[in-house]
Amino acid sequence: MSYVTAAPARPCRPWCTDHHGGPDGAQCRTRVIASHGQTVMVQAPGEETRIWLFNDEDDLSVAEAEQLAYALLAQVAATRTAVAA
C-alpha cells in the first residue's frame, strides 16, 4: 500500500515533487505530462535514478518527438544537478 508521507526519513532529491512510501522514505518521483504521454523520474533508496516513459501511442509526430526529447533531457539535467550538489 502506498501513501504520501509528510516527512520522509531521508531528504528528498531537489527535483522530487511527489514523495511516496513508508517511514524509510521509499520513493521520490516527478512526473512530466505532455501530449505524447508522460515521463516519470523515480529514485528509491539504494537504487539509481530511473526515468520511465509512458506513451499513449507508438508513433510520434515531429513536434511530439521534440517535446519528448526536451522532457527527457530536462529530467536528466535535474538528476545530474542533484548528484553534483
C-alpha atoms as a PDB file:
ATOM      1  CA  MET A   1       0.000   0.000   0.000  1.00  0.00           C
ATOM      2  CA  SER A   2       1.425   3.387  -0.997  1.00  0.00           C
ATOM      3  CA  TYR A   3       0.699   6.567   0.829  1.00  0.00           C
ATOM      4  CA  VAL A   4       2.123  10.060   0.770  1.00  0.00           C
ATOM      5  CA  THR A   5       4.425  10.780   3.678  1.00  0.00           C
ATOM      6  CA  ALA A   6       4.561  14.224   5.222  1.00  0.00           C
ATOM      7  CA  ALA A   7       8.160  13.964   6.396  1.00  0.00           C
ATOM      8  CA  PRO A   8      10.403  11.322   4.816  1.00  0.00           C
ATOM      9  CA  ALA A   9      13.192   9.861   6.931  1.00  0.00           C
ATOM     10  CA  ARG A  10      15.775  10.807   4.294  1.00  0.00           C
ATOM     11  CA  PRO A  11      15.930  14.100   2.420  1.00  0.00           C
ATOM     12  CA  CYS A  12      14.247  14.159  -0.958  1.00  0.00           C
ATOM     13  CA  ARG A  13      16.073  14.995  -4.155  1.00  0.00           C
ATOM     14  CA  PRO A  14      15.684  18.644  -5.232  1.00  0.00           C
ATOM     15  CA  TRP A  15      13.600  17.523  -8.215  1.00  0.00           C
ATOM     16  CA  CYS A  16      11.158  15.448  -6.090  1.00  0.00           C
ATOM     17  CA  THR A  17       7.571  16.666  -6.429  1.00  0.00           C
ATOM     18  CA  ASP A  18       5.731  13.502  -5.385  1.00  0.00           C
ATOM     19  CA  HIS A  19       7.131  11.541  -2.410  1.00  0.00           C
ATOM     20  CA  HIS A  20       5.599   8.109  -1.808  1.00  0.00           C
ATOM     21  CA  GLY A  21       6.439   5.400   0.627  1.00  0.00           C
ATOM     22  CA  GLY A  22       6.708   4.437   4.211  1.00  0.00           C
ATOM     23  CA  PRO A  23       8.829   5.784   7.045  1.00  0.00           C
ATOM     24  CA  ASP A  24      12.021   4.629   5.288  1.00  0.00           C
ATOM     25  CA  GLY A  25      11.498   7.293   2.603  1.00  0.00           C
ATOM     26  CA  ALA A  26      10.705   4.780  -0.092  1.00  0.00           C
ATOM     27  CA  GLN A  27      10.449   6.787  -3.298  1.00  0.00           C
ATOM     28  CA  CYS A  28      10.952  10.262  -4.768  1.00  0.00           C
ATOM     29  CA  ARG A  29       9.168  10.963  -8.054  1.00  0.00           C
ATOM     30  CA  THR A  30       8.491  13.734 -10.506  1.00  0.00           C
ATOM     31  CA  ARG A  31       6.205  13.483 -13.487  1.00  0.00           C
ATOM     32  CA  VAL A  32       6.021  15.392 -16.777  1.00  0.00           C
ATOM     33  CA  ILE A  33       2.725  15.036 -18.636  1.00  0.00           C
ATOM     34  CA  ALA A  34       2.649  16.063 -22.282  1.00  0.00           C
ATOM     35  CA  SER A  35       0.708  15.369 -25.456  1.00  0.00           C
ATOM     36  CA  HIS A  36       2.719  12.197 -26.146  1.00  0.00           C
ATOM     37  CA  GLY A  37       2.095  10.643 -22.730  1.00  0.00           C
ATOM     38  CA  GLN A  38       4.295  11.128 -19.699  1.00  0.00           C
ATOM     39  CA  THR A  39       7.751  10.641 -18.256  1.00  0.00           C
ATOM     40  CA  VAL A  40       8.251   9.782 -14.605  1.00  0.00           C
ATOM     41  CA  MET A  41      11.610  10.147 -12.852  1.00  0.00           C
ATOM     42  CA  VAL A  42      11.941   7.855  -9.813  1.00  0.00           C
ATOM     43  CA  GLN A  43      14.609   7.368  -7.157  1.00  0.00           C
ATOM     44  CA  ALA A  44      14.352   4.826  -4.349  1.00  0.00           C
ATOM     45  CA  PRO A  45      16.838   4.220  -1.507  1.00  0.00           C
ATOM     46  CA  GLY A  46      19.868   2.271  -2.692  1.00  0.00           C
ATOM     47  CA  GLU A  47      18.857   2.446  -6.357  1.00  0.00           C
ATOM     48  CA  GLU A  48      19.963   4.635  -9.228  1.00  0.00           C
ATOM     49  CA  THR A  49      17.537   7.236 -10.555  1.00  0.00           C
ATOM     50  CA  ARG A  50      15.371   5.877 -13.372  1.00  0.00           C
ATOM     51  CA  ILE A  51      13.183   7.595 -15.970  1.00  0.00           C
ATOM     52  CA  TRP A  52      10.053   5.737 -17.017  1.00  0.00           C
ATOM     53  CA  LEU A  53       8.353   6.556 -20.301  1.00  0.00           C
ATOM     54  CA  PHE A  54       4.631   6.007 -20.845  1.00  0.00           C
ATOM     55  CA  ASN A  55       3.433   6.761 -24.367  1.00  0.00           C
ATOM     56  CA  ASP A  56      -0.174   6.993 -25.445  1.00  0.00           C
ATOM     57  CA  GLU A  57       0.830   5.980 -28.982  1.00  0.00           C
ATOM     58  CA  ASP A  58       3.674   4.084 -30.620  1.00  0.00           C
ATOM     59  CA  ASP A  59       4.347   6.759 -33.219  1.00  0.00           C
ATOM     60  CA  LEU A  60       5.002  10.435 -32.594  1.00  0.00           C
ATOM     61  CA  SER A  61       4.795  13.495 -34.786  1.00  0.00           C
ATOM     62  CA  VAL A  62       7.970  15.524 -35.140  1.00  0.00           C
ATOM     63  CA  ALA A  63       6.619  18.087 -32.654  1.00  0.00           C
ATOM     64  CA  GLU A  64       5.691  15.358 -30.138  1.00  0.00           C
ATOM     65  CA  ALA A  65       9.114  13.715 -30.526  1.00  0.00           C
ATOM     66  CA  GLU A  66      10.765  17.081 -29.892  1.00  0.00           C
ATOM     67  CA  GLN A  67       8.607  17.633 -26.790  1.00  0.00           C
ATOM     68  CA  LEU A  68       9.527  14.156 -25.529  1.00  0.00           C
ATOM     69  CA  ALA A  69      13.235  14.788 -26.135  1.00  0.00           C
ATOM     70  CA  TYR A  70      13.124  18.068 -24.199  1.00  0.00           C
ATOM     71  CA  ALA A  71      11.227  16.427 -21.315  1.00  0.00           C
ATOM     72  CA  LEU A  72      13.783  13.610 -21.090  1.00  0.00           C
ATOM     73  CA  LEU A  73      16.753  15.983 -21.299  1.00  0.00           C
ATOM     74  CA  ALA A  74      15.256  18.215 -18.583  1.00  0.00           C
ATOM     75  CA  GLN A  75      14.854  15.225 -16.262  1.00  0.00           C
ATOM     76  CA  VAL A  76      18.404  14.027 -16.961  1.00  0.00           C
ATOM     77  CA  ALA A  77      19.725  17.540 -16.242  1.00  0.00           C
ATOM     78  CA  ALA A  78      17.771  17.654 -12.941  1.00  0.00           C
ATOM     79  CA  THR A  79      19.288  14.331 -11.904  1.00  0.00           C
ATOM     80  CA  ARG A  80      22.821  15.348 -12.810  1.00  0.00           C
ATOM     81  CA  THR A  81      22.435  18.653 -10.941  1.00  0.00           C
ATOM     82  CA  ALA A  82      21.181  16.823  -7.824  1.00  0.00           C
ATOM     83  CA  VAL A  83      24.110  14.361  -7.937  1.00  0.00           C
ATOM     84  CA  ALA A  84      26.658  17.172  -8.345  1.00  0.00           C
ATOM     85  CA  ALA A  85      25.234  19.122  -5.390  1.00  0.00           C
END
